[in-house]
Amino acid sequence: YDAARARQAEVEGRIAELENILANAEIIKESKKSSKKVGLGSTVTIRNLSTGKEDTFTITGTTEANPFEKKISNVSPLGEAISGKEKGDIVTIKAKNSYQVEILATK
């Protein structure tokens, strides 16, 4: 009985958390003019200038972020640094070991 009540409390807590997320959700529509700039929902291809490695990411909010699916948060060091930038820009990522990337493409 106690275990069932504890589990019910967990489920109700998660429901409240999801309701809060939905209540504060905001739909973001980008105009075609601003789609050249990196922002939420953008798919970005970058090249690490020190290694030459290219990678493609989608910029998401914190709740949708999943590095294993190539979805990075807009508040991560990389996401924050490239937000508002355009193709061809070179950006310094401030992390424990800072590095530079070049934005190759945005969608």
PDB file of N, CA and C in Angstrom:
ATOM      1  N   TYR A   1       0.824  -1.194   0.000  1.00  0.00           N
ATOM      2  CA  TYR A   1       0.000   0.000   0.000  1.00  0.00           C
ATOM      3  C   TYR A   1       0.866   1.255   0.000  1.00  0.00           C
ATOM      4  N   ASP A   2       1.878   1.261   0.876  1.00  0.00           N
ATOM      5  CA  ASP A   2       2.759   2.431   0.950  1.00  0.00           C
ATOM      6  C   ASP A   2       3.527   2.643  -0.358  1.00  0.00           C
ATOM      7  N   ALA A   3       3.957   1.543  -0.969  1.00  0.00           N
ATOM      8  CA  ALA A   3       4.683   1.646  -2.239  1.00  0.00           C
ATOM      9  C   ALA A   3       3.772   2.203  -3.338  1.00  0.00           C
ATOM     10  N   ALA A   4       2.512   1.770  -3.354  1.00  0.00           N
ATOM     11  CA  ALA A   4       1.562   2.255  -4.347  1.00  0.00           C
ATOM     12  C   ALA A   4       1.298   3.744  -4.155  1.00  0.00           C
ATOM     13  N   ARG A   5       1.191   4.184  -2.923  1.00  0.00           N
ATOM     14  CA  ARG A   5       0.977   5.617  -2.654  1.00  0.00           C
ATOM     15  C   ARG A   5       2.196   6.432  -3.055  1.00  0.00           C
ATOM     16  N   ALA A   6       3.389   5.904  -2.807  1.00  0.00           N
ATOM     17  CA  ALA A   6       4.610   6.614  -3.189  1.00  0.00           C
ATOM     18  C   ALA A   6       4.694   6.731  -4.704  1.00  0.00           C
ATOM     19  N   ARG A   7       4.357   5.640  -5.390  1.00  0.00           N
ATOM     20  CA  ARG A   7       4.381   5.665  -6.867  1.00  0.00           C
ATOM     21  C   ARG A   7       3.343   6.648  -7.403  1.00  0.00           C
ATOM     22  N   GLN A   8       2.171   6.680  -6.785  1.00  0.00           N
ATOM     23  CA  GLN A   8       1.126   7.614  -7.198  1.00  0.00           C
ATOM     24  C   GLN A   8       1.600   9.049  -7.021  1.00  0.00           C
ATOM     25  N   ALA A   9       2.303   9.316  -5.944  1.00  0.00           N
ATOM     26  CA  ALA A   9       2.827  10.661  -5.698  1.00  0.00           C
ATOM     27  C   ALA A   9       3.852  11.040  -6.779  1.00  0.00           C
ATOM     28  N   GLU A  10       4.697  10.080  -7.190  1.00  0.00           N
ATOM     29  CA  GLU A  10       5.668  10.336  -8.254  1.00  0.00           C
ATOM     30  C   GLU A  10       4.960  10.668  -9.563  1.00  0.00           C
ATOM     31  N   VAL A  11       3.940   9.878  -9.890  1.00  0.00           N
ATOM     32  CA  VAL A  11       3.203  10.088 -11.135  1.00  0.00           C
ATOM     33  C   VAL A  11       2.496  11.436 -11.119  1.00  0.00           C
ATOM     34  N   GLU A  12       1.869  11.780 -10.008  1.00  0.00           N
ATOM     35  CA  GLU A  12       1.188  13.073  -9.905  1.00  0.00           C
ATOM     36  C   GLU A  12       2.172  14.224  -9.997  1.00  0.00           C
ATOM     37  N   GLY A  13       3.369  14.051  -9.439  1.00  0.00           N
ATOM     38  CA  GLY A  13       4.411  15.075  -9.547  1.00  0.00           C
ATOM     39  C   GLY A  13       4.846  15.272 -10.982  1.00  0.00           C
ATOM     40  N   ARG A  14       4.999  14.171 -11.714  1.00  0.00           N
ATOM     41  CA  ARG A  14       5.391  14.252 -13.127  1.00  0.00           C
ATOM     42  C   ARG A  14       4.288  14.904 -13.959  1.00  0.00           C
ATOM     43  N   ILE A  15       3.033  14.569 -13.655  1.00  0.00           N
ATOM     44  CA  ILE A  15       1.902  15.191 -14.352  1.00  0.00           C
ATOM     45  C   ILE A  15       1.909  16.700 -14.123  1.00  0.00           C
ATOM     46  N   ALA A  16       2.141  17.125 -12.900  1.00  0.00           N
ATOM     47  CA  ALA A  16       2.191  18.555 -12.594  1.00  0.00           C
ATOM     48  C   ALA A  16       3.339  19.230 -13.338  1.00  0.00           C
ATOM     49  N   GLU A  17       4.479  18.544 -13.427  1.00  0.00           N
ATOM     50  CA  GLU A  17       5.637  19.086 -14.148  1.00  0.00           C
ATOM     51  C   GLU A  17       5.310  19.262 -15.629  1.00  0.00           C
ATOM     52  N   LEU A  18       4.684  18.263 -16.236  1.00  0.00           N
ATOM     53  CA  LEU A  18       4.315  18.340 -17.654  1.00  0.00           C
ATOM     54  C   LEU A  18       3.263  19.415 -17.903  1.00  0.00           C
ATOM     55  N   GLU A  19       2.292  19.542 -17.002  1.00  0.00           N
ATOM     56  CA  GLU A  19       1.289  20.592 -17.143  1.00  0.00           C
ATOM     57  C   GLU A  19       1.936  21.975 -17.087  1.00  0.00           C
ATOM     58  N   ASN A  20       2.935  22.134 -16.231  1.00  0.00           N
ATOM     59  CA  ASN A  20       3.652  23.405 -16.118  1.00  0.00           C
ATOM     60  C   ASN A  20       4.416  23.706 -17.407  1.00  0.00           C
ATOM     61  N   ILE A  21       5.059  22.690 -17.969  1.00  0.00           N
ATOM     62  CA  ILE A  21       5.792  22.875 -19.225  1.00  0.00           C
ATOM     63  C   ILE A  21       4.828  23.302 -20.325  1.00  0.00           C
ATOM     64  N   LEU A  22       3.693  22.614 -20.424  1.00  0.00           N
ATOM     65  CA  LEU A  22       2.714  22.951 -21.460  1.00  0.00           C
ATOM     66  C   LEU A  22       2.109  24.339 -21.251  1.00  0.00           C
ATOM     67  N   ALA A  23       1.880  24.703 -20.007  1.00  0.00           N
ATOM     68  CA  ALA A  23       1.295  26.016 -19.722  1.00  0.00           C
ATOM     69  C   ALA A  23       2.242  27.147 -20.107  1.00  0.00           C
ATOM     70  N   ASN A  24       3.540  26.888 -20.033  1.00  0.00           N
ATOM     71  CA  ASN A  24       4.524  27.925 -20.339  1.00  0.00           C
ATOM     72  C   ASN A  24       5.150  27.764 -21.719  1.00  0.00           C
ATOM     73  N   ALA A  25       4.668  26.808 -22.501  1.00  0.00           N
ATOM     74  CA  ALA A  25       5.215  26.568 -23.843  1.00  0.00           C
ATOM     75  C   ALA A  25       4.910  27.752 -24.751  1.00  0.00           C
ATOM     76  N   GLU A  26       5.815  27.983 -25.672  1.00  0.00           N
ATOM     77  CA  GLU A  26       5.663  29.078 -26.609  1.00  0.00           C
ATOM     78  C   GLU A  26       6.009  28.560 -28.000  1.00  0.00           C
ATOM     79  N   ILE A  27       5.136  28.783 -28.947  1.00  0.00           N
ATOM     80  CA  ILE A  27       5.390  28.361 -30.319  1.00  0.00           C
ATOM     81  C   ILE A  27       6.238  29.427 -30.986  1.00  0.00           C
ATOM     82  N   ILE A  28       7.332  28.990 -31.577  1.00  0.00           N
ATOM     83  CA  ILE A  28       8.257  29.923 -32.209  1.00  0.00           C
ATOM     84  C   ILE A  28       8.194  29.715 -33.706  1.00  0.00           C
ATOM     85  N   LYS A  29       7.868  30.782 -34.418  1.00  0.00           N
ATOM     86  CA  LYS A  29       7.835  30.731 -35.877  1.00  0.00           C
ATOM     87  C   LYS A  29       8.916  31.662 -36.388  1.00  0.00           C
ATOM     88  N   GLU A  30       9.755  31.132 -37.254  1.00  0.00           N
ATOM     89  CA  GLU A  30      10.795  31.963 -37.839  1.00  0.00           C
ATOM     90  C   GLU A  30      10.360  32.417 -39.217  1.00  0.00           C
ATOM     91  N   SER A  31      10.599  33.681 -39.490  1.00  0.00           N
ATOM     92  CA  SER A  31      10.317  34.170 -40.835  1.00  0.00           C
ATOM     93  C   SER A  31      11.454  33.735 -41.752  1.00  0.00           C
ATOM     94  N   LYS A  32      11.208  33.758 -43.034  1.00  0.00           N
ATOM     95  CA  LYS A  32      12.235  33.328 -43.988  1.00  0.00           C
ATOM     96  C   LYS A  32      13.460  34.233 -43.930  1.00  0.00           C
ATOM     97  N   LYS A  33      13.278  35.493 -43.610  1.00  0.00           N
ATOM     98  CA  LYS A  33      14.413  36.405 -43.518  1.00  0.00           C
ATOM     99  C   LYS A  33      15.365  36.002 -42.394  1.00  0.00           C
ATOM    100  N   SER A  34      14.824  35.568 -41.255  1.00  0.00           N
ATOM    101  CA  SER A  34      15.674  35.251 -40.115  1.00  0.00           C
ATOM    102  C   SER A  34      16.148  33.806 -40.123  1.00  0.00           C
ATOM    103  N   SER A  35      15.719  33.008 -41.084  1.00  0.00           N
ATOM    104  CA  SER A  35      16.104  31.600 -41.089  1.00  0.00           C
ATOM    105  C   SER A  35      17.583  31.410 -41.402  1.00  0.00           C
ATOM    106  N   LYS A  36      18.267  32.455 -41.886  1.00  0.00           N
ATOM    107  CA  LYS A  36      19.696  32.362 -42.139  1.00  0.00           C
ATOM    108  C   LYS A  36      20.482  32.383 -40.836  1.00  0.00           C
ATOM    109  N   LYS A  37      19.875  32.920 -39.793  1.00  0.00           N
ATOM    110  CA  LYS A  37      20.537  32.995 -38.492  1.00  0.00           C
ATOM    111  C   LYS A  37      20.207  31.763 -37.665  1.00  0.00           C
ATOM    112  N   VAL A  38      21.153  31.356 -36.846  1.00  0.00           N
ATOM    113  CA  VAL A  38      20.969  30.204 -35.975  1.00  0.00           C
ATOM    114  C   VAL A  38      20.042  30.586 -34.826  1.00  0.00           C
ATOM    115  N   GLY A  39      19.053  29.745 -34.567  1.00  0.00           N
ATOM    116  CA  GLY A  39      18.131  29.957 -33.464  1.00  0.00           C
ATOM    117  C   GLY A  39      17.449  28.646 -33.113  1.00  0.00           C
ATOM    118  N   LEU A  40      16.468  28.701 -32.237  1.00  0.00           N
ATOM    119  CA  LEU A  40      15.731  27.499 -31.860  1.00  0.00           C
ATOM    120  C   LEU A  40      15.143  26.843 -33.103  1.00  0.00           C
ATOM    121  N   GLY A  41      15.330  25.551 -33.210  1.00  0.00           N
ATOM    122  CA  GLY A  41      14.802  24.797 -34.340  1.00  0.00           C
ATOM    123  C   GLY A  41      15.727  24.741 -35.540  1.00  0.00           C
ATOM    124  N   SER A  42      16.813  25.504 -35.512  1.00  0.00           N
ATOM    125  CA  SER A  42      17.757  25.490 -36.634  1.00  0.00           C
ATOM    126  C   SER A  42      18.575  24.207 -36.637  1.00  0.00           C
ATOM    127  N   THR A  43      18.844  23.719 -37.833  1.00  0.00           N
ATOM    128  CA  THR A  43      19.793  22.617 -37.998  1.00  0.00           C
ATOM    129  C   THR A  43      21.063  23.241 -38.545  1.00  0.00           C
ATOM    130  N   VAL A  44      22.167  23.040 -37.835  1.00  0.00           N
ATOM    131  CA  VAL A  44      23.415  23.743 -38.122  1.00  0.00           C
ATOM    132  C   VAL A  44      24.536  22.750 -38.389  1.00  0.00           C
ATOM    133  N   THR A  45      25.294  23.003 -39.437  1.00  0.00           N
ATOM    134  CA  THR A  45      26.499  22.222 -39.699  1.00  0.00           C
ATOM    135  C   THR A  45      27.685  23.104 -39.363  1.00  0.00           C
ATOM    136  N   ILE A  46      28.582  22.573 -38.522  1.00  0.00           N
ATOM    137  CA  ILE A  46      29.756  23.333 -38.085  1.00  0.00           C
ATOM    138  C   ILE A  46      31.019  22.527 -38.346  1.00  0.00           C
ATOM    139  N   ARG A  47      32.144  23.231 -38.385  1.00  0.00           N
ATOM    140  CA  ARG A  47      33.453  22.580 -38.476  1.00  0.00           C
ATOM    141  C   ARG A  47      34.298  23.075 -37.317  1.00  0.00           C
ATOM    142  N   ASN A  48      34.835  22.137 -36.543  1.00  0.00           N
ATOM    143  CA  ASN A  48      35.765  22.480 -35.479  1.00  0.00           C
ATOM    144  C   ASN A  48      37.080  22.863 -36.144  1.00  0.00           C
ATOM    145  N   LEU A  49      37.545  24.078 -35.947  1.00  0.00           N
ATOM    146  CA  LEU A  49      38.725  24.563 -36.645  1.00  0.00           C
ATOM    147  C   LEU A  49      40.019  23.927 -36.163  1.00  0.00           C
ATOM    148  N   SER A  50      40.049  23.401 -34.942  1.00  0.00           N
ATOM    149  CA  SER A  50      41.285  22.773 -34.465  1.00  0.00           C
ATOM    150  C   SER A  50      41.400  21.317 -34.922  1.00  0.00           C
ATOM    151  N   THR A  51      40.284  20.635 -35.106  1.00  0.00           N
ATOM    152  CA  THR A  51      40.329  19.222 -35.524  1.00  0.00           C
ATOM    153  C   THR A  51      39.914  19.024 -36.973  1.00  0.00           C
ATOM    154  N   GLY A  52      39.185  19.973 -37.546  1.00  0.00           N
ATOM    155  CA  GLY A  52      38.687  19.837 -38.902  1.00  0.00           C
ATOM    156  C   GLY A  52      37.430  18.986 -38.998  1.00  0.00           C
ATOM    157  N   LYS A  53      36.954  18.484 -37.872  1.00  0.00           N
ATOM    158  CA  LYS A  53      35.778  17.611 -37.852  1.00  0.00           C
ATOM    159  C   LYS A  53      34.508  18.425 -38.086  1.00  0.00           C
ATOM    160  N   GLU A  54      33.626  17.900 -38.960  1.00  0.00           N
ATOM    161  CA  GLU A  54      32.341  18.532 -39.216  1.00  0.00           C
ATOM    162  C   GLU A  54      31.247  17.773 -38.480  1.00  0.00           C
ATOM    163  N   ASP A  55      30.237  18.506 -38.030  1.00  0.00           N
ATOM    164  CA  ASP A  55      29.120  17.890 -37.321  1.00  0.00           C
ATOM    165  C   ASP A  55      27.863  18.713 -37.560  1.00  0.00           C
ATOM    166  N   THR A  56      26.718  18.047 -37.499  1.00  0.00           N
ATOM    167  CA  THR A  56      25.436  18.713 -37.699  1.00  0.00           C
ATOM    168  C   THR A  56      24.577  18.523 -36.449  1.00  0.00           C
ATOM    169  N   PHE A  57      23.997  19.623 -35.970  1.00  0.00           N
ATOM    170  CA  PHE A  57      23.166  19.619 -34.768  1.00  0.00           C
ATOM    171  C   PHE A  57      21.865  20.357 -35.031  1.00  0.00           C
ATOM    172  N   THR A  58      20.852  20.052 -34.227  1.00  0.00           N
ATOM    173  CA  THR A  58      19.632  20.836 -34.192  1.00  0.00           C
ATOM    174  C   THR A  58      19.597  21.558 -32.859  1.00  0.00           C
ATOM    175  N   ILE A  59      19.291  22.844 -32.888  1.00  0.00           N
ATOM    176  CA  ILE A  59      19.222  23.647 -31.666  1.00  0.00           C
ATOM    177  C   ILE A  59      17.813  23.509 -31.089  1.00  0.00           C
ATOM    178  N   THR A  60      17.722  23.063 -29.835  1.00  0.00           N
ATOM    179  CA  THR A  60      16.436  22.858 -29.177  1.00  0.00           C
ATOM    180  C   THR A  60      16.421  23.568 -27.825  1.00  0.00           C
ATOM    181  N   GLY A  61      15.278  23.518 -27.178  1.00  0.00           N
ATOM    182  CA  GLY A  61      15.181  23.988 -25.802  1.00  0.00           C
ATOM    183  C   GLY A  61      15.804  22.955 -24.864  1.00  0.00           C
ATOM    184  N   THR A  62      15.911  23.299 -23.611  1.00  0.00           N
ATOM    185  CA  THR A  62      16.578  22.405 -22.662  1.00  0.00           C
ATOM    186  C   THR A  62      15.843  21.084 -22.461  1.00  0.00           C
ATOM    187  N   THR A  63      14.522  21.093 -22.533  1.00  0.00           N
ATOM    188  CA  THR A  63      13.783  19.851 -22.290  1.00  0.00           C
ATOM    189  C   THR A  63      13.879  18.876 -23.451  1.00  0.00           C
ATOM    190  N   GLU A  64      14.127  19.357 -24.663  1.00  0.00           N
ATOM    191  CA  GLU A  64      14.215  18.479 -25.826  1.00  0.00           C
ATOM    192  C   GLU A  64      15.639  18.055 -26.133  1.00  0.00           C
ATOM    193  N   ALA A  65      16.616  18.669 -25.500  1.00  0.00           N
ATOM    194  CA  ALA A  65      18.017  18.404 -25.813  1.00  0.00           C
ATOM    195  C   ALA A  65      18.370  16.934 -25.571  1.00  0.00           C
ATOM    196  N   ASN A  66      19.123  16.363 -26.515  1.00  0.00           N
ATOM    197  CA  ASN A  66      19.607  14.987 -26.411  1.00  0.00           C
ATOM    198  C   ASN A  66      20.837  14.872 -27.311  1.00  0.00           C
ATOM    199  N   PRO A  67      22.028  14.990 -26.727  1.00  0.00           N
ATOM    200  CA  PRO A  67      23.250  14.956 -27.535  1.00  0.00           C
ATOM    201  C   PRO A  67      23.398  13.681 -28.370  1.00  0.00           C
ATOM    202  N   PHE A  68      22.836  12.570 -27.894  1.00  0.00           N
ATOM    203  CA  PHE A  68      22.938  11.321 -28.642  1.00  0.00           C
ATOM    204  C   PHE A  68      22.127  11.363 -29.928  1.00  0.00           C
ATOM    205  N   GLU A  69      21.123  12.234 -29.991  1.00  0.00           N
ATOM    206  CA  GLU A  69      20.313  12.417 -31.194  1.00  0.00           C
ATOM    207  C   GLU A  69      20.715  13.684 -31.945  1.00  0.00           C
ATOM    208  N   LYS A  70      21.861  14.247 -31.592  1.00  0.00           N
ATOM    209  CA  LYS A  70      22.384  15.470 -32.221  1.00  0.00           C
ATOM    210  C   LYS A  70      21.446  16.659 -32.011  1.00  0.00           C
ATOM    211  N   LYS A  71      20.827  16.724 -30.834  1.00  0.00           N
ATOM    212  CA  LYS A  71      19.978  17.854 -30.452  1.00  0.00           C
ATOM    213  C   LYS A  71      20.635  18.523 -29.255  1.00  0.00           C
ATOM    214  N   ILE A  72      21.069  19.772 -29.442  1.00  0.00           N
ATOM    215  CA  ILE A  72      21.731  20.469 -28.343  1.00  0.00           C
ATOM    216  C   ILE A  72      20.891  21.654 -27.884  1.00  0.00           C
ATOM    217  N   SER A  73      21.018  21.941 -26.617  1.00  0.00           N
ATOM    218  CA  SER A  73      20.247  23.008 -25.995  1.00  0.00           C
ATOM    219  C   SER A  73      20.757  24.377 -26.426  1.00  0.00           C
ATOM    220  N   ASN A  74      19.841  25.315 -26.506  1.00  0.00           N
ATOM    221  CA  ASN A  74      20.220  26.690 -26.831  1.00  0.00           C
ATOM    222  C   ASN A  74      20.985  27.359 -25.693  1.00  0.00           C
ATOM    223  N   VAL A  75      21.004  26.747 -24.512  1.00  0.00           N
ATOM    224  CA  VAL A  75      21.758  27.321 -23.393  1.00  0.00           C
ATOM    225  C   VAL A  75      23.053  26.563 -23.108  1.00  0.00           C
ATOM    226  N   SER A  76      23.368  25.561 -23.933  1.00  0.00           N
ATOM    227  CA  SER A  76      24.658  24.876 -23.814  1.00  0.00           C
ATOM    228  C   SER A  76      25.738  25.831 -24.314  1.00  0.00           C
ATOM    229  N   PRO A  77      27.005  25.608 -23.949  1.00  0.00           N
ATOM    230  CA  PRO A  77      28.054  26.517 -24.424  1.00  0.00           C
ATOM    231  C   PRO A  77      28.078  26.667 -25.953  1.00  0.00           C
ATOM    232  N   LEU A  78      27.949  25.552 -26.684  1.00  0.00           N
ATOM    233  CA  LEU A  78      27.947  25.623 -28.146  1.00  0.00           C
ATOM    234  C   LEU A  78      26.680  26.304 -28.659  1.00  0.00           C
ATOM    235  N   GLY A  79      25.522  25.889 -28.152  1.00  0.00           N
ATOM    236  CA  GLY A  79      24.252  26.465 -28.596  1.00  0.00           C
ATOM    237  C   GLY A  79      24.173  27.958 -28.338  1.00  0.00           C
ATOM    238  N   GLU A  80      24.631  28.361 -27.179  1.00  0.00           N
ATOM    239  CA  GLU A  80      24.594  29.782 -26.820  1.00  0.00           C
ATOM    240  C   GLU A  80      25.542  30.598 -27.702  1.00  0.00           C
ATOM    241  N   ALA A  81      26.725  30.041 -27.974  1.00  0.00           N
ATOM    242  CA  ALA A  81      27.724  30.779 -28.749  1.00  0.00           C
ATOM    243  C   ALA A  81      27.304  30.968 -30.208  1.00  0.00           C
ATOM    244  N   ILE A  82      26.632  29.969 -30.805  1.00  0.00           N
ATOM    245  CA  ILE A  82      26.294  30.084 -32.231  1.00  0.00           C
ATOM    246  C   ILE A  82      24.921  30.707 -32.479  1.00  0.00           C
ATOM    247  N   SER A  83      24.124  30.891 -31.435  1.00  0.00           N
ATOM    248  CA  SER A  83      22.805  31.515 -31.609  1.00  0.00           C
ATOM    249  C   SER A  83      22.946  32.927 -32.153  1.00  0.00           C
ATOM    250  N   GLY A  84      22.167  33.216 -33.180  1.00  0.00           N
ATOM    251  CA  GLY A  84      22.198  34.533 -33.800  1.00  0.00           C
ATOM    252  C   GLY A  84      23.276  34.693 -34.859  1.00  0.00           C
ATOM    253  N   LYS A  85      24.118  33.693 -35.034  1.00  0.00           N
ATOM    254  CA  LYS A  85      25.188  33.755 -36.034  1.00  0.00           C
ATOM    255  C   LYS A  85      24.694  33.237 -37.369  1.00  0.00           C
ATOM    256  N   GLU A  86      25.473  33.444 -38.418  1.00  0.00           N
ATOM    257  CA  GLU A  86      25.104  33.049 -39.773  1.00  0.00           C
ATOM    258  C   GLU A  86      26.190  32.194 -40.405  1.00  0.00           C
ATOM    259  N   LYS A  87      25.849  31.608 -41.555  1.00  0.00           N
ATOM    260  CA  LYS A  87      26.794  30.811 -42.325  1.00  0.00           C
ATOM    261  C   LYS A  87      28.052  31.633 -42.591  1.00  0.00           C
ATOM    262  N   GLY A  88      29.205  31.003 -42.383  1.00  0.00           N
ATOM    263  CA  GLY A  88      30.483  31.672 -42.616  1.00  0.00           C
ATOM    264  C   GLY A  88      31.086  32.294 -41.374  1.00  0.00           C
ATOM    265  N   ASP A  89      30.291  32.483 -40.318  1.00  0.00           N
ATOM    266  CA  ASP A  89      30.808  33.071 -39.085  1.00  0.00           C
ATOM    267  C   ASP A  89      31.726  32.089 -38.372  1.00  0.00           C
ATOM    268  N   ILE A  90      32.778  32.624 -37.754  1.00  0.00           N
ATOM    269  CA  ILE A  90      33.674  31.833 -36.916  1.00  0.00           C
ATOM    270  C   ILE A  90      33.410  32.256 -35.479  1.00  0.00           C
ATOM    271  N   VAL A  91      33.163  31.270 -34.635  1.00  0.00           N
ATOM    272  CA  VAL A  91      32.727  31.534 -33.270  1.00  0.00           C
ATOM    273  C   VAL A  91      33.639  30.815 -32.285  1.00  0.00           C
ATOM    274  N   THR A  92      33.990  31.487 -31.193  1.00  0.00           N
ATOM    275  CA  THR A  92      34.764  30.871 -30.124  1.00  0.00           C
ATOM    276  C   THR A  92      33.801  30.322 -29.080  1.00  0.00           C
ATOM    277  N   ILE A  93      33.947  29.045 -28.763  1.00  0.00           N
ATOM    278  CA  ILE A  93      33.112  28.386 -27.765  1.00  0.00           C
ATOM    279  C   ILE A  93      33.875  28.434 -26.448  1.00  0.00           C
ATOM    280  N   LYS A  94      33.276  29.080 -25.457  1.00  0.00           N
ATOM    281  CA  LYS A  94      33.931  29.209 -24.157  1.00  0.00           C
ATOM    282  C   LYS A  94      33.521  28.035 -23.281  1.00  0.00           C
ATOM    283  N   ALA A  95      34.460  27.131 -23.092  1.00  0.00           N
ATOM    284  CA  ALA A  95      34.252  25.947 -22.262  1.00  0.00           C
ATOM    285  C   ALA A  95      35.550  25.727 -21.497  1.00  0.00           C
ATOM    286  N   LYS A  96      35.651  24.583 -20.834  1.00  0.00           N
ATOM    287  CA  LYS A  96      36.878  24.280 -20.090  1.00  0.00           C
ATOM    288  C   LYS A  96      38.084  24.414 -21.011  1.00  0.00           C
ATOM    289  N   ASN A  97      37.998  23.836 -22.192  1.00  0.00           N
ATOM    290  CA  ASN A  97      39.011  23.991 -23.235  1.00  0.00           C
ATOM    291  C   ASN A  97      38.352  24.711 -24.405  1.00  0.00           C
ATOM    292  N   SER A  98      38.508  26.027 -24.469  1.00  0.00           N
ATOM    293  CA  SER A  98      37.865  26.822 -25.512  1.00  0.00           C
ATOM    294  C   SER A  98      38.330  26.366 -26.893  1.00  0.00           C
ATOM    295  N   TYR A  99      37.431  26.497 -27.863  1.00  0.00           N
ATOM    296  CA  TYR A  99      37.748  26.123 -29.235  1.00  0.00           C
ATOM    297  C   TYR A  99      36.923  26.978 -30.175  1.00  0.00           C
ATOM    298  N   GLN A 100      37.296  26.964 -31.456  1.00  0.00           N
ATOM    299  CA  GLN A 100      36.591  27.755 -32.457  1.00  0.00           C
ATOM    300  C   GLN A 100      35.911  26.840 -33.462  1.00  0.00           C
ATOM    301  N   VAL A 101      34.738  27.273 -33.926  1.00  0.00           N
ATOM    302  CA  VAL A 101      34.020  26.556 -34.964  1.00  0.00           C
ATOM    303  C   VAL A 101      33.625  27.538 -36.055  1.00  0.00           C
ATOM    304  N   GLU A 102      33.478  27.001 -37.258  1.00  0.00           N
ATOM    305  CA  GLU A 102      32.961  27.774 -38.373  1.00  0.00           C
ATOM    306  C   GLU A 102      31.587  27.223 -38.714  1.00  0.00           C
ATOM    307  N   ILE A 103      30.620  28.103 -38.918  1.00  0.00           N
ATOM    308  CA  ILE A 103      29.282  27.681 -39.299  1.00  0.00           C
ATOM    309  C   ILE A 103      29.268  27.475 -40.809  1.00  0.00           C
ATOM    310  N   LEU A 104      29.028  26.235 -41.227  1.00  0.00           N
ATOM    311  CA  LEU A 104      29.055  25.902 -42.645  1.00  0.00           C
ATOM    312  C   LEU A 104      27.698  26.029 -43.308  1.00  0.00           C
ATOM    313  N   ALA A 105      26.624  25.725 -42.571  1.00  0.00           N
ATOM    314  CA  ALA A 105      25.269  25.782 -43.144  1.00  0.00           C
ATOM    315  C   ALA A 105      24.251  25.874 -42.030  1.00  0.00           C
ATOM    316  N   THR A 106      23.103  26.496 -42.343  1.00  0.00           N
ATOM    317  CA  THR A 106      21.972  26.543 -41.426  1.00  0.00           C
ATOM    318  C   THR A 106      20.710  26.241 -42.204  1.00  0.00           C
ATOM    319  N   LYS A 107      19.803  25.551 -41.566  1.00  0.00           N
ATOM    320  CA  LYS A 107      18.491  25.236 -42.165  1.00  0.00           C
ATOM    321  C   LYS A 107      17.407  25.610 -41.182  1.00  0.00           C
TER     322      LYS A 107
END
